[in-house]
Amino acid sequence: YCSVLLKNNSVVGLSQACKSPIRSIDVAFTEAFLNKEHNKDNKTTVDETLADVLVCDAPVHLCDSIRTLADKGLKAILQPGGSDADQELIDFCNEHLISMIFTGMTHISH
């Protein structure tokens, strides 16, 4: 499974070949966090947003990384959908004003 985190139209976190969708999101989150830490001295303004958009090639389940991303400014999730846990994530996104886009197809693999 693969996940990508984007901020200002740039990749800030990327995972690939993970064995689970949740692990994929966790790895991309860690990469985005490390990227932010590495570049924090280059910022003249304080921007707490870690990533704007999460793109996944598998159905997304609510996990700690998504909760943290929501607290750090996540605005949208793009995913194929089709999980039994979709409604839980939809409810979470509605509560946190995060746009959810279900496409019915993968976006990264192939």
PDB file of N, CA and C in Angstrom:
ATOM      1  N   TYR A   1       0.829  -1.181   0.000  1.00  0.00           N
ATOM      2  CA  TYR A   1       0.000   0.000   0.000  1.00  0.00           C
ATOM      3  C   TYR A   1       0.869   1.239   0.000  1.00  0.00           C
ATOM      4  N   CYS A   2       0.351   2.305  -0.595  1.00  0.00           N
ATOM      5  CA  CYS A   2       1.078   3.563  -0.699  1.00  0.00           C
ATOM      6  C   CYS A   2       0.197   4.712  -0.233  1.00  0.00           C
ATOM      7  N   SER A   3       0.833   5.725   0.352  1.00  0.00           N
ATOM      8  CA  SER A   3       0.154   6.955   0.747  1.00  0.00           C
ATOM      9  C   SER A   3       1.070   8.124   0.442  1.00  0.00           C
ATOM     10  N   VAL A   4       0.449   9.263   0.124  1.00  0.00           N
ATOM     11  CA  VAL A   4       1.187  10.493  -0.145  1.00  0.00           C
ATOM     12  C   VAL A   4       0.525  11.618   0.635  1.00  0.00           C
ATOM     13  N   LEU A   5       1.336  12.442   1.280  1.00  0.00           N
ATOM     14  CA  LEU A   5       0.857  13.652   1.931  1.00  0.00           C
ATOM     15  C   LEU A   5       1.376  14.848   1.149  1.00  0.00           C
ATOM     16  N   LEU A   6       0.484  15.784   0.869  1.00  0.00           N
ATOM     17  CA  LEU A   6       0.820  16.969   0.094  1.00  0.00           C
ATOM     18  C   LEU A   6       0.591  18.235   0.920  1.00  0.00           C
ATOM     19  N   LYS A   7       1.439  19.216   0.700  1.00  0.00           N
ATOM     20  CA  LYS A   7       1.267  20.534   1.301  1.00  0.00           C
ATOM     21  C   LYS A   7       1.717  21.558   0.281  1.00  0.00           C
ATOM     22  N   ASN A   8       0.859  22.513  -0.001  1.00  0.00           N
ATOM     23  CA  ASN A   8       1.170  23.553  -0.989  1.00  0.00           C
ATOM     24  C   ASN A   8       1.629  22.945  -2.314  1.00  0.00           C
ATOM     25  N   ASN A   9       0.932  21.907  -2.765  1.00  0.00           N
ATOM     26  CA  ASN A   9       1.200  21.234  -4.035  1.00  0.00           C
ATOM     27  C   ASN A   9       2.568  20.552  -4.104  1.00  0.00           C
ATOM     28  N   SER A  10       3.145  20.244  -2.956  1.00  0.00           N
ATOM     29  CA  SER A  10       4.417  19.532  -2.902  1.00  0.00           C
ATOM     30  C   SER A  10       4.263  18.293  -2.029  1.00  0.00           C
ATOM     31  N   VAL A  11       4.994  17.249  -2.366  1.00  0.00           N
ATOM     32  CA  VAL A  11       4.990  16.032  -1.556  1.00  0.00           C
ATOM     33  C   VAL A  11       5.817  16.293  -0.299  1.00  0.00           C
ATOM     34  N   VAL A  12       5.201  16.056   0.866  1.00  0.00           N
ATOM     35  CA  VAL A  12       5.926  16.210   2.127  1.00  0.00           C
ATOM     36  C   VAL A  12       6.063  14.884   2.862  1.00  0.00           C
ATOM     37  N   GLY A  13       5.291  13.883   2.459  1.00  0.00           N
ATOM     38  CA  GLY A  13       5.373  12.558   3.061  1.00  0.00           C
ATOM     39  C   GLY A  13       4.976  11.504   2.057  1.00  0.00           C
ATOM     40  N   LEU A  14       5.728  10.411   2.013  1.00  0.00           N
ATOM     41  CA  LEU A  14       5.478   9.365   1.023  1.00  0.00           C
ATOM     42  C   LEU A  14       5.784   8.009   1.649  1.00  0.00           C
ATOM     43  N   SER A  15       4.896   7.068   1.417  1.00  0.00           N
ATOM     44  CA  SER A  15       5.169   5.697   1.829  1.00  0.00           C
ATOM     45  C   SER A  15       4.899   4.798   0.637  1.00  0.00           C
ATOM     46  N   GLN A  16       5.584   3.678   0.606  1.00  0.00           N
ATOM     47  CA  GLN A  16       5.359   2.730  -0.488  1.00  0.00           C
ATOM     48  C   GLN A  16       5.643   1.318  -0.005  1.00  0.00           C
ATOM     49  N   ALA A  17       4.959   0.372  -0.600  1.00  0.00           N
ATOM     50  CA  ALA A  17       5.149  -1.057  -0.314  1.00  0.00           C
ATOM     51  C   ALA A  17       4.916  -1.412   1.151  1.00  0.00           C
ATOM     52  N   CYS A  18       3.955  -0.753   1.793  1.00  0.00           N
ATOM     53  CA  CYS A  18       3.614  -1.106   3.177  1.00  0.00           C
ATOM     54  C   CYS A  18       2.606  -2.250   3.164  1.00  0.00           C
ATOM     55  N   LYS A  19       2.612  -3.036   4.212  1.00  0.00           N
ATOM     56  CA  LYS A  19       1.758  -4.226   4.260  1.00  0.00           C
ATOM     57  C   LYS A  19       0.338  -3.934   4.701  1.00  0.00           C
ATOM     58  N   SER A  20       0.070  -2.734   5.210  1.00  0.00           N
ATOM     59  CA  SER A  20      -1.293  -2.381   5.589  1.00  0.00           C
ATOM     60  C   SER A  20      -1.540  -0.905   5.268  1.00  0.00           C
ATOM     61  N   PRO A  21      -2.788  -0.539   4.997  1.00  0.00           N
ATOM     62  CA  PRO A  21      -3.102   0.868   4.730  1.00  0.00           C
ATOM     63  C   PRO A  21      -2.778   1.782   5.920  1.00  0.00           C
ATOM     64  N   ILE A  22      -3.030   1.308   7.136  1.00  0.00           N
ATOM     65  CA  ILE A  22      -2.746   2.133   8.313  1.00  0.00           C
ATOM     66  C   ILE A  22      -1.246   2.359   8.438  1.00  0.00           C
ATOM     67  N   ARG A  23      -0.451   1.324   8.232  1.00  0.00           N
ATOM     68  CA  ARG A  23       1.011   1.472   8.273  1.00  0.00           C
ATOM     69  C   ARG A  23       1.472   2.452   7.204  1.00  0.00           C
ATOM     70  N   SER A  24       0.844   2.390   6.044  1.00  0.00           N
ATOM     71  CA  SER A  24       1.176   3.292   4.950  1.00  0.00           C
ATOM     72  C   SER A  24       0.959   4.754   5.362  1.00  0.00           C
ATOM     73  N   ILE A  25      -0.156   5.030   6.015  1.00  0.00           N
ATOM     74  CA  ILE A  25      -0.449   6.391   6.470  1.00  0.00           C
ATOM     75  C   ILE A  25       0.525   6.798   7.570  1.00  0.00           C
ATOM     76  N   ASP A  26       0.820   5.881   8.483  1.00  0.00           N
ATOM     77  CA  ASP A  26       1.765   6.167   9.560  1.00  0.00           C
ATOM     78  C   ASP A  26       3.145   6.543   9.018  1.00  0.00           C
ATOM     79  N   VAL A  27       3.615   5.804   8.018  1.00  0.00           N
ATOM     80  CA  VAL A  27       4.934   6.081   7.436  1.00  0.00           C
ATOM     81  C   VAL A  27       4.934   7.442   6.735  1.00  0.00           C
ATOM     82  N   ALA A  28       3.895   7.732   5.960  1.00  0.00           N
ATOM     83  CA  ALA A  28       3.811   9.038   5.282  1.00  0.00           C
ATOM     84  C   ALA A  28       3.752  10.173   6.307  1.00  0.00           C
ATOM     85  N   PHE A  29       3.001   9.965   7.392  1.00  0.00           N
ATOM     86  CA  PHE A  29       2.923  10.951   8.468  1.00  0.00           C
ATOM     87  C   PHE A  29       4.304  11.193   9.074  1.00  0.00           C
ATOM     88  N   THR A  30       5.031  10.129   9.362  1.00  0.00           N
ATOM     89  CA  THR A  30       6.368  10.258   9.949  1.00  0.00           C
ATOM     90  C   THR A  30       7.291  11.020   9.013  1.00  0.00           C
ATOM     91  N   GLU A  31       7.221  10.718   7.728  1.00  0.00           N
ATOM     92  CA  GLU A  31       8.044  11.429   6.743  1.00  0.00           C
ATOM     93  C   GLU A  31       7.692  12.918   6.702  1.00  0.00           C
ATOM     94  N   ALA A  32       6.408  13.237   6.749  1.00  0.00           N
ATOM     95  CA  ALA A  32       5.983  14.642   6.740  1.00  0.00           C
ATOM     96  C   ALA A  32       6.477  15.361   7.996  1.00  0.00           C
ATOM     97  N   PHE A  33       6.377  14.682   9.139  1.00  0.00           N
ATOM     98  CA  PHE A  33       6.856  15.269  10.389  1.00  0.00           C
ATOM     99  C   PHE A  33       8.362  15.526  10.327  1.00  0.00           C
ATOM    100  N   LEU A  34       9.121  14.547   9.863  1.00  0.00           N
ATOM    101  CA  LEU A  34      10.573  14.717   9.757  1.00  0.00           C
ATOM    102  C   LEU A  34      10.931  15.810   8.760  1.00  0.00           C
ATOM    103  N   ASN A  35      10.181  15.902   7.669  1.00  0.00           N
ATOM    104  CA  ASN A  35      10.394  16.957   6.683  1.00  0.00           C
ATOM    105  C   ASN A  35      10.171  18.326   7.313  1.00  0.00           C
ATOM    106  N   LYS A  36       9.103  18.450   8.077  1.00  0.00           N
ATOM    107  CA  LYS A  36       8.813  19.732   8.744  1.00  0.00           C
ATOM    108  C   LYS A  36       9.915  20.084   9.742  1.00  0.00           C
ATOM    109  N   GLU A  37      10.350  19.114  10.529  1.00  0.00           N
ATOM    110  CA  GLU A  37      11.415  19.360  11.499  1.00  0.00           C
ATOM    111  C   GLU A  37      12.713  19.768  10.811  1.00  0.00           C
ATOM    112  N   HIS A  38      13.017  19.114   9.712  1.00  0.00           N
ATOM    113  CA  HIS A  38      14.245  19.405   8.972  1.00  0.00           C
ATOM    114  C   HIS A  38      14.230  20.817   8.398  1.00  0.00           C
ATOM    115  N   ASN A  39      13.056  21.277   7.977  1.00  0.00           N
ATOM    116  CA  ASN A  39      12.946  22.569   7.301  1.00  0.00           C
ATOM    117  C   ASN A  39      12.428  23.696   8.185  1.00  0.00           C
ATOM    118  N   LYS A  40      12.270  23.473   9.485  1.00  0.00           N
ATOM    119  CA  LYS A  40      11.652  24.503  10.320  1.00  0.00           C
ATOM    120  C   LYS A  40      12.502  25.764  10.437  1.00  0.00           C
ATOM    121  N   ASP A  41      13.794  25.671  10.285  1.00  0.00           N
ATOM    122  CA  ASP A  41      14.637  26.861  10.356  1.00  0.00           C
ATOM    123  C   ASP A  41      14.517  27.723   9.102  1.00  0.00           C
ATOM    124  N   ASN A  42      13.980  27.164   8.012  1.00  0.00           N
ATOM    125  CA  ASN A  42      13.838  27.901   6.763  1.00  0.00           C
ATOM    126  C   ASN A  42      12.543  28.718   6.703  1.00  0.00           C
ATOM    127  N   LYS A  43      11.696  28.606   7.713  1.00  0.00           N
ATOM    128  CA  LYS A  43      10.411  29.299   7.713  1.00  0.00           C
ATOM    129  C   LYS A  43      10.535  30.630   8.447  1.00  0.00           C
ATOM    130  N   THR A  44       9.936  31.654   7.889  1.00  0.00           N
ATOM    131  CA  THR A  44       9.891  32.941   8.565  1.00  0.00           C
ATOM    132  C   THR A  44       8.585  33.110   9.334  1.00  0.00           C
ATOM    133  N   THR A  45       7.561  32.310   9.001  1.00  0.00           N
ATOM    134  CA  THR A  45       6.301  32.352   9.729  1.00  0.00           C
ATOM    135  C   THR A  45       6.050  30.991  10.353  1.00  0.00           C
ATOM    136  N   VAL A  46       5.294  30.998  11.418  1.00  0.00           N
ATOM    137  CA  VAL A  46       4.956  29.751  12.089  1.00  0.00           C
ATOM    138  C   VAL A  46       3.730  29.167  11.401  1.00  0.00           C
ATOM    139  N   ASP A  47       3.886  27.993  10.788  1.00  0.00           N
ATOM    140  CA  ASP A  47       2.800  27.291  10.112  1.00  0.00           C
ATOM    141  C   ASP A  47       2.704  25.906  10.721  1.00  0.00           C
ATOM    142  N   GLU A  48       1.652  25.673  11.462  1.00  0.00           N
ATOM    143  CA  GLU A  48       1.485  24.387  12.149  1.00  0.00           C
ATOM    144  C   GLU A  48       0.926  23.301  11.240  1.00  0.00           C
ATOM    145  N   THR A  49       0.506  23.656  10.020  1.00  0.00           N
ATOM    146  CA  THR A  49      -0.048  22.659   9.113  1.00  0.00           C
ATOM    147  C   THR A  49       1.037  21.683   8.706  1.00  0.00           C
ATOM    148  N   LEU A  50       0.750  20.401   8.915  1.00  0.00           N
ATOM    149  CA  LEU A  50       1.710  19.364   8.541  1.00  0.00           C
ATOM    150  C   LEU A  50       1.503  18.953   7.087  1.00  0.00           C
ATOM    151  N   ALA A  51       0.233  18.823   6.682  1.00  0.00           N
ATOM    152  CA  ALA A  51      -0.104  18.454   5.304  1.00  0.00           C
ATOM    153  C   ALA A  51      -1.527  18.912   5.016  1.00  0.00           C
ATOM    154  N   ASP A  52      -1.795  19.215   3.746  1.00  0.00           N
ATOM    155  CA  ASP A  52      -3.124  19.643   3.328  1.00  0.00           C
ATOM    156  C   ASP A  52      -3.978  18.464   2.864  1.00  0.00           C
ATOM    157  N   VAL A  53      -3.358  17.536   2.137  1.00  0.00           N
ATOM    158  CA  VAL A  53      -4.099  16.457   1.481  1.00  0.00           C
ATOM    159  C   VAL A  53      -3.410  15.116   1.724  1.00  0.00           C
ATOM    160  N   LEU A  54      -4.215  14.093   1.999  1.00  0.00           N
ATOM    161  CA  LEU A  54      -3.744  12.713   2.103  1.00  0.00           C
ATOM    162  C   LEU A  54      -4.339  11.939   0.933  1.00  0.00           C
ATOM    163  N   VAL A  55      -3.479  11.286   0.145  1.00  0.00           N
ATOM    164  CA  VAL A  55      -3.914  10.452  -0.971  1.00  0.00           C
ATOM    165  C   VAL A  55      -3.476   9.025  -0.685  1.00  0.00           C
ATOM    166  N   CYS A  56      -4.419   8.091  -0.759  1.00  0.00           N
ATOM    167  CA  CYS A  56      -4.124   6.686  -0.472  1.00  0.00           C
ATOM    168  C   CYS A  56      -4.607   5.804  -1.611  1.00  0.00           C
ATOM    169  N   ASP A  57      -3.899   4.706  -1.844  1.00  0.00           N
ATOM    170  CA  ASP A  57      -4.310   3.780  -2.895  1.00  0.00           C
ATOM    171  C   ASP A  57      -5.131   2.621  -2.341  1.00  0.00           C
ATOM    172  N   ALA A  58      -5.527   2.713  -1.076  1.00  0.00           N
ATOM    173  CA  ALA A  58      -6.373   1.692  -0.445  1.00  0.00           C
ATOM    174  C   ALA A  58      -7.395   2.393   0.430  1.00  0.00           C
ATOM    175  N   PRO A  59      -8.485   1.724   0.764  1.00  0.00           N
ATOM    176  CA  PRO A  59      -9.460   2.334   1.668  1.00  0.00           C
ATOM    177  C   PRO A  59      -8.802   2.745   2.982  1.00  0.00           C
ATOM    178  N   VAL A  60      -9.168   3.911   3.458  1.00  0.00           N
ATOM    179  CA  VAL A  60      -8.570   4.497   4.648  1.00  0.00           C
ATOM    180  C   VAL A  60      -9.432   4.178   5.867  1.00  0.00           C
ATOM    181  N   HIS A  61      -8.767   3.809   6.953  1.00  0.00           N
ATOM    182  CA  HIS A  61      -9.427   3.599   8.236  1.00  0.00           C
ATOM    183  C   HIS A  61      -8.980   4.700   9.187  1.00  0.00           C
ATOM    184  N   LEU A  62      -9.857   5.106  10.076  1.00  0.00           N
ATOM    185  CA  LEU A  62      -9.495   6.100  11.073  1.00  0.00           C
ATOM    186  C   LEU A  62      -8.384   5.538  11.957  1.00  0.00           C
ATOM    187  N   CYS A  63      -7.311   6.305  12.116  1.00  0.00           N
ATOM    188  CA  CYS A  63      -6.170   5.874  12.922  1.00  0.00           C
ATOM    189  C   CYS A  63      -5.574   7.094  13.617  1.00  0.00           C
ATOM    190  N   ASP A  64      -4.624   6.857  14.491  1.00  0.00           N
ATOM    191  CA  ASP A  64      -4.005   7.952  15.242  1.00  0.00           C
ATOM    192  C   ASP A  64      -3.346   8.983  14.328  1.00  0.00           C
ATOM    193  N   SER A  65      -2.722   8.533  13.251  1.00  0.00           N
ATOM    194  CA  SER A  65      -2.067   9.467  12.334  1.00  0.00           C
ATOM    195  C   SER A  65      -3.078  10.406  11.687  1.00  0.00           C
ATOM    196  N   ILE A  66      -4.237   9.896  11.318  1.00  0.00           N
ATOM    197  CA  ILE A  66      -5.266  10.763  10.727  1.00  0.00           C
ATOM    198  C   ILE A  66      -5.784  11.743  11.775  1.00  0.00           C
ATOM    199  N   ARG A  67      -5.961  11.293  12.992  1.00  0.00           N
ATOM    200  CA  ARG A  67      -6.397  12.199  14.063  1.00  0.00           C
ATOM    201  C   ARG A  67      -5.378  13.336  14.257  1.00  0.00           C
ATOM    202  N   THR A  68      -4.102  12.992  14.261  1.00  0.00           N
ATOM    203  CA  THR A  68      -3.065  14.004  14.424  1.00  0.00           C
ATOM    204  C   THR A  68      -3.002  14.925  13.210  1.00  0.00           C
ATOM    205  N   LEU A  69      -3.105  14.359  12.020  1.00  0.00           N
ATOM    206  CA  LEU A  69      -3.120  15.193  10.815  1.00  0.00           C
ATOM    207  C   LEU A  69      -4.291  16.165  10.839  1.00  0.00           C
ATOM    208  N   ALA A  70      -5.444  15.724  11.317  1.00  0.00           N
ATOM    209  CA  ALA A  70      -6.611  16.604  11.425  1.00  0.00           C
ATOM    210  C   ALA A  70      -6.308  17.771  12.366  1.00  0.00           C
ATOM    211  N   ASP A  71      -5.638  17.484  13.472  1.00  0.00           N
ATOM    212  CA  ASP A  71      -5.261  18.539  14.416  1.00  0.00           C
ATOM    213  C   ASP A  71      -4.206  19.468  13.836  1.00  0.00           C
ATOM    214  N   LYS A  72      -3.448  18.979  12.856  1.00  0.00           N
ATOM    215  CA  LYS A  72      -2.371  19.764  12.243  1.00  0.00           C
ATOM    216  C   LYS A  72      -2.758  20.349  10.884  1.00  0.00           C
ATOM    217  N   GLY A  73      -4.069  20.430  10.578  1.00  0.00           N
ATOM    218  CA  GLY A  73      -4.505  21.181   9.414  1.00  0.00           C
ATOM    219  C   GLY A  73      -4.890  20.405   8.171  1.00  0.00           C
ATOM    220  N   LEU A  74      -5.035  19.085   8.241  1.00  0.00           N
ATOM    221  CA  LEU A  74      -5.433  18.321   7.059  1.00  0.00           C
ATOM    222  C   LEU A  74      -6.770  18.823   6.527  1.00  0.00           C
ATOM    223  N   LYS A  75      -6.860  19.015   5.208  1.00  0.00           N
ATOM    224  CA  LYS A  75      -8.068  19.564   4.595  1.00  0.00           C
ATOM    225  C   LYS A  75      -8.838  18.566   3.749  1.00  0.00           C
ATOM    226  N   ALA A  76      -8.163  17.521   3.248  1.00  0.00           N
ATOM    227  CA  ALA A  76      -8.839  16.585   2.345  1.00  0.00           C
ATOM    228  C   ALA A  76      -8.166  15.220   2.364  1.00  0.00           C
ATOM    229  N   ILE A  77      -8.993  14.195   2.118  1.00  0.00           N
ATOM    230  CA  ILE A  77      -8.512  12.825   1.962  1.00  0.00           C
ATOM    231  C   ILE A  77      -9.074  12.293   0.655  1.00  0.00           C
ATOM    232  N   LEU A  78      -8.199  11.783  -0.182  1.00  0.00           N
ATOM    233  CA  LEU A  78      -8.579  11.175  -1.456  1.00  0.00           C
ATOM    234  C   LEU A  78      -8.280   9.689  -1.345  1.00  0.00           C
ATOM    235  N   GLN A  79      -9.308   8.859  -1.553  1.00  0.00           N
ATOM    236  CA  GLN A  79      -9.141   7.421  -1.385  1.00  0.00           C
ATOM    237  C   GLN A  79     -10.174   6.667  -2.210  1.00  0.00           C
ATOM    238  N   PRO A  80      -9.918   5.364  -2.447  1.00  0.00           N
ATOM    239  CA  PRO A  80     -10.876   4.586  -3.237  1.00  0.00           C
ATOM    240  C   PRO A  80     -12.174   4.293  -2.493  1.00  0.00           C
ATOM    241  N   GLY A  81     -12.142   4.205  -1.168  1.00  0.00           N
ATOM    242  CA  GLY A  81     -13.348   3.861  -0.407  1.00  0.00           C
ATOM    243  C   GLY A  81     -13.643   2.377  -0.485  1.00  0.00           C
ATOM    244  N   GLY A  82     -14.803   1.993   0.036  1.00  0.00           N
ATOM    245  CA  GLY A  82     -15.220   0.603  -0.035  1.00  0.00           C
ATOM    246  C   GLY A  82     -14.916  -0.212   1.201  1.00  0.00           C
ATOM    247  N   SER A  83     -14.570   0.447   2.295  1.00  0.00           N
ATOM    248  CA  SER A  83     -14.266  -0.256   3.540  1.00  0.00           C
ATOM    249  C   SER A  83     -15.511  -0.312   4.425  1.00  0.00           C
ATOM    250  N   ASP A  84     -15.561  -1.317   5.289  1.00  0.00           N
ATOM    251  CA  ASP A  84     -16.635  -1.383   6.278  1.00  0.00           C
ATOM    252  C   ASP A  84     -16.541  -0.224   7.259  1.00  0.00           C
ATOM    253  N   ALA A  85     -15.381   0.388   7.374  1.00  0.00           N
ATOM    254  CA  ALA A  85     -15.159   1.477   8.320  1.00  0.00           C
ATOM    255  C   ALA A  85     -15.344   2.861   7.690  1.00  0.00           C
ATOM    256  N   ASP A  86     -15.861   2.936   6.460  1.00  0.00           N
ATOM    257  CA  ASP A  86     -16.027   4.230   5.787  1.00  0.00           C
ATOM    258  C   ASP A  86     -16.862   5.203   6.604  1.00  0.00           C
ATOM    259  N   GLN A  87     -17.961   4.756   7.184  1.00  0.00           N
ATOM    260  CA  GLN A  87     -18.860   5.670   7.891  1.00  0.00           C
ATOM    261  C   GLN A  87     -18.182   6.329   9.090  1.00  0.00           C
ATOM    262  N   GLU A  88     -17.361   5.566   9.811  1.00  0.00           N
ATOM    263  CA  GLU A  88     -16.629   6.143  10.946  1.00  0.00           C
ATOM    264  C   GLU A  88     -15.720   7.278  10.484  1.00  0.00           C
ATOM    265  N   LEU A  89     -15.034   7.071   9.366  1.00  0.00           N
ATOM    266  CA  LEU A  89     -14.136   8.100   8.838  1.00  0.00           C
ATOM    267  C   LEU A  89     -14.935   9.283   8.294  1.00  0.00           C
ATOM    268  N   ILE A  90     -16.050   9.021   7.644  1.00  0.00           N
ATOM    269  CA  ILE A  90     -16.910  10.105   7.146  1.00  0.00           C
ATOM    270  C   ILE A  90     -17.366  10.980   8.309  1.00  0.00           C
ATOM    271  N   ASP A  91     -17.820  10.357   9.375  1.00  0.00           N
ATOM    272  CA  ASP A  91     -18.269  11.112  10.549  1.00  0.00           C
ATOM    273  C   ASP A  91     -17.131  11.943  11.138  1.00  0.00           C
ATOM    274  N   PHE A  92     -15.939  11.347  11.242  1.00  0.00           N
ATOM    275  CA  PHE A  92     -14.778  12.067  11.755  1.00  0.00           C
ATOM    276  C   PHE A  92     -14.453  13.267  10.860  1.00  0.00           C
ATOM    277  N   CYS A  93     -14.445  13.048   9.554  1.00  0.00           N
ATOM    278  CA  CYS A  93     -14.131  14.131   8.618  1.00  0.00           C
ATOM    279  C   CYS A  93     -15.171  15.251   8.688  1.00  0.00           C
ATOM    280  N   ASN A  94     -16.432  14.892   8.815  1.00  0.00           N
ATOM    281  CA  ASN A  94     -17.474  15.907   8.951  1.00  0.00           C
ATOM    282  C   ASN A  94     -17.269  16.748  10.208  1.00  0.00           C
ATOM    283  N   GLU A  95     -16.910  16.111  11.306  1.00  0.00           N
ATOM    284  CA  GLU A  95     -16.669  16.822  12.563  1.00  0.00           C
ATOM    285  C   GLU A  95     -15.469  17.758  12.475  1.00  0.00           C
ATOM    286  N   HIS A  96     -14.472  17.403  11.656  1.00  0.00           N
ATOM    287  CA  HIS A  96     -13.229  18.172  11.564  1.00  0.00           C
ATOM    288  C   HIS A  96     -13.120  18.990  10.276  1.00  0.00           C
ATOM    289  N   LEU A  97     -14.224  19.087   9.535  1.00  0.00           N
ATOM    290  CA  LEU A  97     -14.271  19.874   8.293  1.00  0.00           C
ATOM    291  C   LEU A  97     -13.201  19.457   7.288  1.00  0.00           C
ATOM    292  N   ILE A  98     -13.018  18.144   7.153  1.00  0.00           N
ATOM    293  CA  ILE A  98     -12.084  17.573   6.184  1.00  0.00           C
ATOM    294  C   ILE A  98     -12.898  17.025   5.014  1.00  0.00           C
ATOM    295  N   SER A  99     -12.556  17.423   3.808  1.00  0.00           N
ATOM    296  CA  SER A  99     -13.241  16.901   2.618  1.00  0.00           C
ATOM    297  C   SER A  99     -12.795  15.469   2.367  1.00  0.00           C
ATOM    298  N   MET A 100     -13.769  14.612   2.046  1.00  0.00           N
ATOM    299  CA  MET A 100     -13.472  13.214   1.738  1.00  0.00           C
ATOM    300  C   MET A 100     -13.903  12.953   0.304  1.00  0.00           C
ATOM    301  N   ILE A 101     -13.004  12.412  -0.476  1.00  0.00           N
ATOM    302  CA  ILE A 101     -13.318  12.103  -1.871  1.00  0.00           C
ATOM    303  C   ILE A 101     -13.126  10.610  -2.080  1.00  0.00           C
ATOM    304  N   PHE A 102     -14.229   9.925  -2.386  1.00  0.00           N
ATOM    305  CA  PHE A 102     -14.198   8.503  -2.719  1.00  0.00           C
ATOM    306  C   PHE A 102     -14.197   8.384  -4.240  1.00  0.00           C
ATOM    307  N   THR A 103     -13.244   7.687  -4.790  1.00  0.00           N
ATOM    308  CA  THR A 103     -13.137   7.585  -6.244  1.00  0.00           C
ATOM    309  C   THR A 103     -13.462   6.207  -6.784  1.00  0.00           C
ATOM    310  N   GLY A 104     -13.416   5.185  -5.931  1.00  0.00           N
ATOM    311  CA  GLY A 104     -13.666   3.831  -6.402  1.00  0.00           C
ATOM    312  C   GLY A 104     -12.507   3.237  -7.184  1.00  0.00           C
ATOM    313  N   MET A 105     -11.350   3.878  -7.157  1.00  0.00           N
ATOM    314  CA  MET A 105     -10.175   3.382  -7.876  1.00  0.00           C
ATOM    315  C   MET A 105      -8.917   3.759  -7.113  1.00  0.00           C
ATOM    316  N   THR A 106      -7.813   3.065  -7.374  1.00  0.00           N
ATOM    317  CA  THR A 106      -6.553   3.423  -6.748  1.00  0.00           C
ATOM    318  C   THR A 106      -5.944   4.619  -7.467  1.00  0.00           C
ATOM    319  N   HIS A 107      -5.019   5.299  -6.812  1.00  0.00           N
ATOM    320  CA  HIS A 107      -4.470   6.537  -7.371  1.00  0.00           C
ATOM    321  C   HIS A 107      -2.964   6.517  -7.536  1.00  0.00           C
ATOM    322  N   ILE A 108      -2.309   5.609  -6.847  1.00  0.00           N
ATOM    323  CA  ILE A 108      -0.858   5.617  -6.841  1.00  0.00           C
ATOM    324  C   ILE A 108      -0.303   4.375  -7.531  1.00  0.00           C
ATOM    325  N   SER A 109      -0.827   3.211  -7.215  1.00  0.00           N
ATOM    326  CA  SER A 109      -0.320   1.960  -7.767  1.00  0.00           C
ATOM    327  C   SER A 109      -0.702   1.808  -9.240  1.00  0.00           C
ATOM    328  N   HIS A 110      -0.108   0.865  -9.886  1.00  0.00           N
ATOM    329  CA  HIS A 110      -0.366   0.457 -11.279  1.00  0.00           C
ATOM    330  C   HIS A 110       0.658   1.009 -12.205  1.00  0.00           C
TER     331      HIS A 110
END
